[in-house]
Each structure stands twice: as structure tokens, then as C-alpha cells.
Amino acid sequence: MLNAAIVGLGWWGRQLVRSVEASPLIRFSRGVTLEPEQAREFAAANGLAITTSYAEVLADPAIDAVCLATPHTRHRAQVEAAAAAGKHVYCEKPFALSKADAEAALAAVRRAGVALGVGQNMRFKASIRALRELADAGTFGTIMLAEGNYSHALLADQPADGWRAAAEESRAGGMTGMGIHVLDCFGYLVGPMRRIAARSAQRAVALPAGDTTAALIEFRNGALGTLGTTLKTPYVWRIAIFGSDAWAVSTSDTALTLRHGSGEPVTTELADTAHIRLNLESFAAAALGRGTFHIDDAGILHTVAALDAVFRSVAADGAWQAVE
């Protein structure tokens, strides 16, 4: 059993703790928060000893791993500190806001010989796994186009002084909270991306980085893709793959619609996979020496590089930027 500390007890940090309540691989025993009074009831209900000091947790020999649910700009330094302390480290997405920071953090982890996990849990959605199985089986034929939209209003009412509202944290509208999941699924399902052209706009939410982003993507294999994300609309999840022989679309964690050849579209409701827990357990298994994390180093870096390209394109008024 991996004994872990959760660093950041906001709404998502609490989701991570809840997701592994019955896990045989990982448990949380400590929590780090700068607002201990707001987290005290949750901590008591979940058996967490609270501290305001990250350094204190890193110095605790009883803690095997840290899970970072913290502001994005702090990820590199916090990953490097965990690695230097010999702690396995799970970092929520985005792993970093630039490829250079991602490379530095990853290098620190590998030098230390500790396990690394990242919060790209959407790969474990039942419908995304089914899309990957279709792609691996050649069902699509030649993949022509990928379409993705992940949008909701859950983050639309953040306090103006909250970290998620800061331009340096939530760049390009919903890209750091939602759009990055689309990028990661695209890399997983279609393959590496070559270049991206993106625009952001401020339409309904008073955020300095805007609330809506659209991107055009060119994959290395010649396929094209479109991505949309907005911070102010009812919840939508959609990842669609269009091939020369078939198309399929994921519209929820468990719903998949497939149309093959001249047949009619068939919608299947799949069994739920508890994707947040599975992602954490993949990390825990790697930390316990029972396997490797399901995303390799190249995959981790590629998703950050694609996000970096989106940021650069938005800053360049939509000009194409290489995913380097």
C-alpha cells in the first residue's frame, strides 16, 4: 500500500482523495493546504493529518508519495522538490505550462529514480478505451479527422482573487482545465501532433485569459483535428474519430456510438471504469514496483508540448506553431 500526501485540498484535491477510498494500492494519510480551517472537516472525515508545510511532508519518512493538486505554475518546483526528497510524485495536469519546464521536472524525477504519474485520467474512460481499441484494430481505416470538445461551467464562477482566475494559471480560456484532456486524447488515439493554430476569446466570463478557445490541429500522419473548449456552457464531452471506413464518437464516460460502412449508427453503453481511481492506481503500481505508469515519458512531454503550442499560437494571433 502506497502511503501518500495530497498537496492542495481544493475541490479537485478532494476528488482525488475520494476516488481511492477503497483502493488496495494507495491511501492518503496527510494533507497540505494553505487554508486548514476550510479543509478541517473534510480531513477529519477522511483520516488526513493536515499541515500547511509542503517541506514538512517531504521530510516525513512515513510518506512514500505526494500528489500535487496545486496551481499550475508551481508544478515544476514542487515535482523537483519531491524528487530530491526521494518521494514518488503524481502531478495533476497540466504537468507543466511549457515543454522546457516539463523536461526539467521529468529529468529530476528520472535522476532520483522515483515514479511519476500525471493527471491525464481521461485515457481510462470506458468510451476512450473503446475508441483506442477500434483504432488498434484498424476499424477506422485511414483516420481522416478528429474532433474534440470538452466544456462546462464548473469553473466559471471562480473568485476574482482565486488562483484559477489568474492569467498565468488559466491561460487560453479553458485549455489548462479542459482542453488539455482533448489534446491528450488526440495524441493517444490518433498519434503525435505536428502543428497547431489556435484563437481565444472572452465572451461571457470576465477572465483575463478569455473563456473560449478553438484550435486547428495537424497530426504527423496527415490527419486533421479540431478542438473547442469554453468555460461558460452546459457540460459537454465529445471526442470523435472519422476514418475512411468508420466513425465513432465518445459522448460521455461510458457512451460510444459507432457507424461502420453503410450500416446504421450503433450506440453502446459501456461499464464505468472509475477513471480517476485507475489513473492513480497506475501511478501507485509503478511506485510499488508492480509495473509502469500507463503514459510513458514521451507521451507526457508531447501533451505539454501541444499545450505549449496552443499558448504560443494564441499569443501570435492564431499563427501556426510547431509541436516541438
Protein backbone atom coordinates (compact mmCIF):
# COMPACT_ATOMS: atom_id res chain seq x y z
CA MET A 1 0.00 0.00 0.00
CA LEU A 2 1.40 3.38 -1.06
CA ASN A 3 1.10 5.96 1.73
CA ALA A 4 0.57 9.35 0.12
CA ALA A 5 0.02 13.00 0.96
CA ILE A 6 -2.40 15.15 -1.01
CA VAL A 7 -0.99 18.63 -1.64
CA GLY A 8 -3.86 21.02 -2.29
CA LEU A 9 -7.27 20.35 -0.80
CA GLY A 10 -9.45 22.34 -3.16
CA TRP A 11 -12.34 20.73 -5.00
CA TRP A 12 -10.11 18.58 -7.21
CA GLY A 13 -7.73 17.51 -4.46
CA ARG A 14 -10.77 16.27 -2.56
CA GLN A 15 -11.94 14.36 -5.64
CA LEU A 16 -8.60 12.56 -5.78
CA VAL A 17 -8.86 11.57 -2.12
CA ARG A 18 -12.43 10.30 -2.54
CA SER A 19 -11.59 8.35 -5.68
CA VAL A 20 -9.29 5.89 -3.88
CA GLU A 21 -11.24 5.35 -0.67
CA ALA A 22 -11.40 1.59 -1.29
CA SER A 23 -8.17 1.19 -3.26
CA PRO A 24 -5.87 -1.71 -2.36
CA LEU A 25 -2.86 0.18 -3.77
CA ILE A 26 -2.89 3.75 -2.45
CA ARG A 27 -4.20 5.68 0.53
CA PHE A 28 -3.92 9.31 1.64
CA SER A 29 -2.88 9.93 5.24
CA ARG A 30 -1.73 13.56 5.14
CA GLY A 31 -2.90 16.75 3.51
CA VAL A 32 -1.19 20.05 2.75
CA THR A 33 -3.32 23.17 2.47
CA LEU A 34 -2.84 26.89 3.00
CA GLU A 35 -6.43 27.10 4.25
CA PRO A 36 -6.55 24.50 7.04
CA GLU A 37 -9.77 25.75 8.62
CA GLN A 38 -11.67 25.24 5.35
CA ALA A 39 -10.33 21.70 5.00
CA ARG A 40 -10.57 20.56 8.63
CA GLU A 41 -13.96 18.84 8.37
CA PHE A 42 -13.03 17.02 5.15
CA ALA A 43 -9.68 15.99 6.60
CA ALA A 44 -11.28 14.59 9.75
CA ALA A 45 -13.83 12.62 7.73
CA ASN A 46 -11.09 11.13 5.54
CA GLY A 47 -8.38 10.47 8.12
CA LEU A 48 -5.98 13.16 6.96
CA ALA A 49 -3.49 14.87 9.23
CA ILE A 50 -3.26 18.47 7.98
CA THR A 51 -0.24 20.72 7.68
CA THR A 52 0.44 23.98 5.87
CA SER A 53 4.02 22.95 5.09
CA TYR A 54 4.99 21.05 1.95
CA ALA A 55 8.55 20.77 3.28
CA GLU A 56 7.26 19.05 6.41
CA VAL A 57 5.55 16.36 4.34
CA LEU A 58 8.63 15.86 2.18
CA ALA A 59 10.67 15.32 5.34
CA ASP A 60 8.25 12.72 6.75
CA PRO A 61 9.75 9.22 6.30
CA ALA A 62 6.28 7.67 6.59
CA ILE A 63 5.14 9.38 3.39
CA ASP A 64 6.01 7.44 0.24
CA ALA A 65 4.47 9.77 -2.34
CA VAL A 66 2.92 13.18 -2.89
CA CYS A 67 0.02 14.02 -5.17
CA LEU A 68 0.01 17.61 -6.39
CA ALA A 69 -3.35 19.33 -6.91
CA THR A 70 -1.79 22.77 -6.84
CA PRO A 71 -1.53 25.88 -9.07
CA HIS A 72 -0.02 25.02 -12.42
CA THR A 73 2.89 27.46 -12.18
CA ARG A 74 4.19 25.66 -9.08
CA HIS A 75 4.31 22.18 -10.58
CA ARG A 76 7.91 22.15 -11.79
CA ALA A 77 9.39 23.33 -8.49
CA GLN A 78 7.16 21.03 -6.45
CA VAL A 79 7.97 17.99 -8.61
CA GLU A 80 11.68 18.75 -8.38
CA ALA A 81 11.45 19.12 -4.59
CA ALA A 82 9.60 15.81 -4.25
CA ALA A 83 12.15 14.03 -6.42
CA ALA A 84 15.03 15.50 -4.39
CA ALA A 85 13.36 14.17 -1.23
CA GLY A 86 13.03 10.71 -2.75
CA LYS A 87 9.23 10.81 -2.90
CA HIS A 88 7.22 9.34 -5.74
CA VAL A 89 5.19 12.12 -7.30
CA TYR A 90 1.82 12.35 -9.01
CA CYS A 91 1.16 15.73 -10.62
CA GLU A 92 -2.20 16.95 -11.79
CA LYS A 93 -2.47 18.25 -15.32
CA PRO A 94 -1.04 20.26 -16.82
CA PHE A 95 2.22 18.64 -15.75
CA ALA A 96 3.82 21.94 -16.75
CA LEU A 97 2.89 25.03 -18.77
CA SER A 98 5.88 24.75 -21.12
CA LYS A 99 7.82 21.89 -22.60
CA ALA A 100 11.05 23.24 -21.10
CA ASP A 101 9.59 23.06 -17.58
CA ALA A 102 8.19 19.59 -18.28
CA GLU A 103 11.58 18.35 -19.46
CA ALA A 104 13.31 19.75 -16.36
CA ALA A 105 10.76 18.22 -13.97
CA LEU A 106 10.89 14.87 -15.74
CA ALA A 107 14.69 14.86 -15.67
CA ALA A 108 14.63 15.46 -11.90
CA VAL A 109 12.29 12.51 -11.41
CA ARG A 110 14.39 10.18 -13.51
CA ARG A 111 17.62 11.21 -11.75
CA ALA A 112 16.00 10.43 -8.41
CA GLY A 113 14.66 7.08 -9.58
CA VAL A 114 11.15 7.74 -8.28
CA ALA A 115 7.86 7.03 -10.03
CA LEU A 116 5.90 9.72 -11.85
CA GLY A 117 2.20 9.93 -12.65
CA VAL A 118 0.22 12.71 -14.31
CA GLY A 119 -3.47 13.57 -14.13
CA GLN A 120 -4.44 12.56 -17.65
CA ASN A 121 -7.13 10.22 -16.40
CA MET A 122 -9.43 10.54 -19.44
CA ARG A 123 -7.49 7.78 -21.19
CA PHE A 124 -9.16 5.42 -18.73
CA LYS A 125 -12.73 6.44 -19.64
CA ALA A 126 -14.51 3.36 -20.96
CA SER A 127 -15.51 5.13 -24.17
CA ILE A 128 -11.97 6.39 -24.84
CA ARG A 129 -10.56 2.92 -24.29
CA ALA A 130 -13.12 1.62 -26.79
CA LEU A 131 -12.03 4.24 -29.33
CA ARG A 132 -8.42 3.15 -28.87
CA GLU A 133 -9.37 -0.50 -29.37
CA LEU A 134 -11.15 0.42 -32.62
CA ALA A 135 -8.10 2.34 -33.81
CA ASP A 136 -5.73 -0.51 -32.89
CA ALA A 137 -7.97 -2.99 -34.74
CA GLY A 138 -7.90 -0.88 -37.91
CA THR A 139 -11.68 -0.41 -37.81
CA PHE A 140 -11.46 3.23 -38.90
CA GLY A 141 -9.32 2.53 -41.94
CA THR A 142 -7.32 5.69 -42.61
CA ILE A 143 -8.03 8.22 -39.87
CA MET A 144 -9.03 11.46 -41.55
CA LEU A 145 -10.26 13.76 -38.81
CA ALA A 146 -10.51 14.04 -35.03
CA GLU A 147 -13.00 16.35 -33.32
CA GLY A 148 -12.97 17.20 -29.63
CA ASN A 149 -14.89 19.47 -27.29
CA TYR A 150 -14.68 19.47 -23.52
CA SER A 151 -16.59 22.37 -21.96
CA HIS A 152 -18.60 23.17 -18.85
CA ALA A 153 -19.36 25.98 -16.43
CA LEU A 154 -17.92 24.39 -13.27
CA LEU A 155 -15.02 26.85 -13.25
CA ALA A 156 -16.92 29.89 -14.49
CA ASP A 157 -17.61 31.42 -11.07
CA GLN A 158 -14.15 31.31 -9.57
CA PRO A 159 -13.43 34.20 -7.17
CA ALA A 160 -11.51 37.02 -8.81
CA ASP A 161 -8.66 36.58 -6.32
CA GLY A 162 -8.55 32.78 -6.70
CA TRP A 163 -5.57 31.20 -8.40
CA ARG A 164 -7.64 29.67 -11.18
CA ALA A 165 -8.71 33.16 -12.28
CA ALA A 166 -5.12 34.34 -12.72
CA ALA A 167 -3.96 34.79 -16.32
CA GLU A 168 -0.68 32.99 -15.68
CA GLU A 169 -2.51 29.91 -14.35
CA SER A 170 -5.51 29.51 -16.67
CA ARG A 171 -4.06 30.50 -20.00
CA ALA A 172 -6.11 30.36 -23.21
CA GLY A 173 -9.51 30.09 -21.59
CA GLY A 174 -10.35 26.52 -20.66
CA MET A 175 -7.19 24.91 -22.05
CA THR A 176 -5.50 24.16 -18.71
CA GLY A 177 -8.66 22.82 -17.11
CA MET A 178 -10.39 21.05 -20.00
CA GLY A 179 -8.80 21.45 -23.42
CA ILE A 180 -5.61 19.70 -22.35
CA HIS A 181 -7.64 16.50 -21.91
CA VAL A 182 -8.70 16.73 -25.56
CA LEU A 183 -5.08 17.19 -26.64
CA ASP A 184 -4.02 14.16 -24.59
CA CYS A 185 -6.81 12.00 -26.04
CA PHE A 186 -5.88 13.11 -29.56
CA GLY A 187 -2.28 12.02 -29.02
CA TYR A 188 -3.48 8.72 -27.53
CA LEU A 189 -6.00 7.94 -30.29
CA VAL A 190 -4.54 9.45 -33.47
CA GLY A 191 -0.84 9.93 -32.82
CA PRO A 192 1.62 12.78 -32.37
CA MET A 193 0.60 16.30 -33.42
CA ARG A 194 2.79 18.33 -35.78
CA ARG A 195 1.43 21.88 -35.53
CA ILE A 196 -1.47 23.84 -34.06
CA ALA A 197 -3.25 27.11 -34.85
CA ALA A 198 -5.45 28.47 -32.04
CA ARG A 199 -7.50 31.52 -31.08
CA SER A 200 -9.01 32.53 -27.74
CA ALA A 201 -11.81 34.98 -26.98
CA GLN A 202 -13.55 36.50 -23.97
CA ARG A 203 -17.30 36.09 -24.45
CA ALA A 204 -19.16 35.66 -21.16
CA VAL A 205 -16.71 35.34 -18.26
CA ALA A 206 -14.53 38.21 -17.05
CA LEU A 207 -11.23 36.35 -17.12
CA PRO A 208 -8.05 38.00 -18.41
CA ALA A 209 -7.13 34.87 -20.39
CA GLY A 210 -10.54 34.60 -22.05
CA ASP A 211 -13.17 31.90 -21.72
CA THR A 212 -13.31 30.25 -25.15
CA THR A 213 -10.64 28.63 -27.32
CA ALA A 214 -10.74 26.93 -30.71
CA ALA A 215 -7.83 25.18 -32.41
CA LEU A 216 -6.99 23.51 -35.71
CA ILE A 217 -4.52 20.64 -35.44
CA GLU A 218 -2.38 18.85 -37.99
CA PHE A 219 -1.10 15.41 -37.00
CA ARG A 220 2.23 13.99 -38.13
CA ASN A 221 0.41 11.22 -40.01
CA GLY A 222 -1.53 13.79 -42.09
CA ALA A 223 -4.86 13.66 -40.24
CA LEU A 224 -6.51 16.89 -39.12
CA GLY A 225 -8.24 17.79 -35.89
CA THR A 226 -10.41 20.46 -34.34
CA LEU A 227 -10.62 21.34 -30.67
CA GLY A 228 -13.09 23.54 -28.81
CA THR A 229 -13.40 24.46 -25.14
CA THR A 230 -15.36 27.09 -23.27
CA LEU A 231 -15.78 27.93 -19.60
CA LYS A 232 -19.43 29.00 -19.85
CA THR A 233 -21.80 26.42 -21.30
CA PRO A 234 -23.65 23.33 -20.05
CA TYR A 235 -21.38 20.28 -19.68
CA VAL A 236 -20.29 18.61 -22.90
CA TRP A 237 -17.73 15.88 -23.60
CA ARG A 238 -17.18 14.78 -27.19
CA ILE A 239 -14.26 13.02 -28.84
CA ALA A 240 -14.97 11.82 -32.39
CA ILE A 241 -12.72 9.93 -34.80
CA PHE A 242 -13.61 9.87 -38.51
CA GLY A 243 -11.96 7.30 -40.74
CA SER A 244 -12.24 6.14 -44.33
CA ASP A 245 -14.21 3.05 -43.21
CA ALA A 246 -15.97 4.08 -40.00
CA TRP A 247 -16.54 6.83 -37.48
CA ALA A 248 -17.07 6.67 -33.73
CA VAL A 249 -17.76 9.21 -31.02
CA SER A 250 -17.41 9.25 -27.24
CA THR A 251 -20.12 11.44 -25.71
CA SER A 252 -19.70 10.53 -22.03
CA ASP A 253 -17.56 8.35 -19.80
CA THR A 254 -19.48 5.29 -20.99
CA ALA A 255 -21.39 6.12 -24.20
CA LEU A 256 -19.90 5.23 -27.59
CA THR A 257 -21.59 5.50 -30.98
CA LEU A 258 -20.07 3.66 -33.97
CA ARG A 259 -21.04 3.76 -37.63
CA HIS A 260 -19.26 1.29 -39.86
CA GLY A 261 -19.55 1.31 -43.66
CA SER A 262 -23.15 1.59 -44.84
CA GLY A 263 -24.61 0.37 -41.54
CA GLU A 264 -26.66 2.41 -39.13
CA PRO A 265 -25.03 4.13 -36.12
CA VAL A 266 -25.00 1.86 -33.08
CA THR A 267 -24.75 3.34 -29.58
CA THR A 268 -23.32 1.21 -26.80
CA GLU A 269 -23.42 1.96 -23.08
CA LEU A 270 -20.23 0.58 -21.56
CA ALA A 271 -19.45 -0.29 -17.96
CA ASP A 272 -17.98 2.58 -15.97
CA THR A 273 -14.25 2.35 -15.30
CA ALA A 274 -13.71 4.75 -12.37
CA HIS A 275 -11.08 6.50 -14.46
CA ILE A 276 -9.76 8.83 -11.73
CA ARG A 277 -9.03 5.88 -9.44
CA LEU A 278 -7.48 3.80 -12.22
CA ASN A 279 -5.11 6.61 -13.11
CA LEU A 280 -3.96 6.98 -9.51
CA GLU A 281 -3.62 3.22 -9.18
CA SER A 282 -1.46 3.05 -12.30
CA PHE A 283 0.86 5.52 -10.59
CA ALA A 284 0.72 3.61 -7.31
CA ALA A 285 1.57 0.34 -9.04
CA ALA A 286 4.62 1.98 -10.63
CA ALA A 287 5.71 3.38 -7.26
CA LEU A 288 5.32 -0.05 -5.65
CA GLY A 289 7.42 -1.69 -8.36
CA ARG A 290 4.49 -3.57 -9.87
CA GLY A 291 4.57 -2.06 -13.36
CA THR A 292 4.98 1.25 -15.16
CA PHE A 293 2.71 4.26 -15.37
CA HIS A 294 0.42 3.89 -18.38
CA ILE A 295 1.72 7.05 -20.11
CA ASP A 296 5.42 6.97 -20.98
CA ASP A 297 7.78 9.95 -20.81
CA ALA A 298 7.35 10.79 -24.49
CA GLY A 299 3.57 10.86 -24.08
CA ILE A 300 3.77 13.12 -21.03
CA LEU A 301 6.07 15.55 -22.83
CA HIS A 302 4.05 15.52 -26.05
CA THR A 303 0.83 16.62 -24.36
CA VAL A 304 2.65 19.51 -22.67
CA ALA A 305 4.32 20.43 -25.98
CA ALA A 306 0.91 20.56 -27.67
CA LEU A 307 -0.47 22.78 -24.90
CA ASP A 308 2.61 25.00 -25.23
CA ALA A 309 1.91 25.29 -28.97
CA VAL A 310 -1.68 26.38 -28.25
CA PHE A 311 -0.43 29.10 -25.91
CA ARG A 312 2.12 30.34 -28.45
CA SER A 313 -0.43 30.35 -31.26
CA VAL A 314 -2.97 32.33 -29.22
CA ALA A 315 -0.24 34.86 -28.40
CA ALA A 316 0.62 35.04 -32.12
CA ASP A 317 -2.99 35.77 -33.19
CA GLY A 318 -3.63 32.27 -34.45
CA ALA A 319 -0.41 31.64 -36.39
CA TRP A 320 0.62 28.00 -36.81
CA GLN A 321 3.04 26.81 -34.12
CA ALA A 322 5.08 23.62 -34.21
CA VAL A 323 4.53 20.99 -31.53
CA GLU A 324 8.21 20.65 -30.74
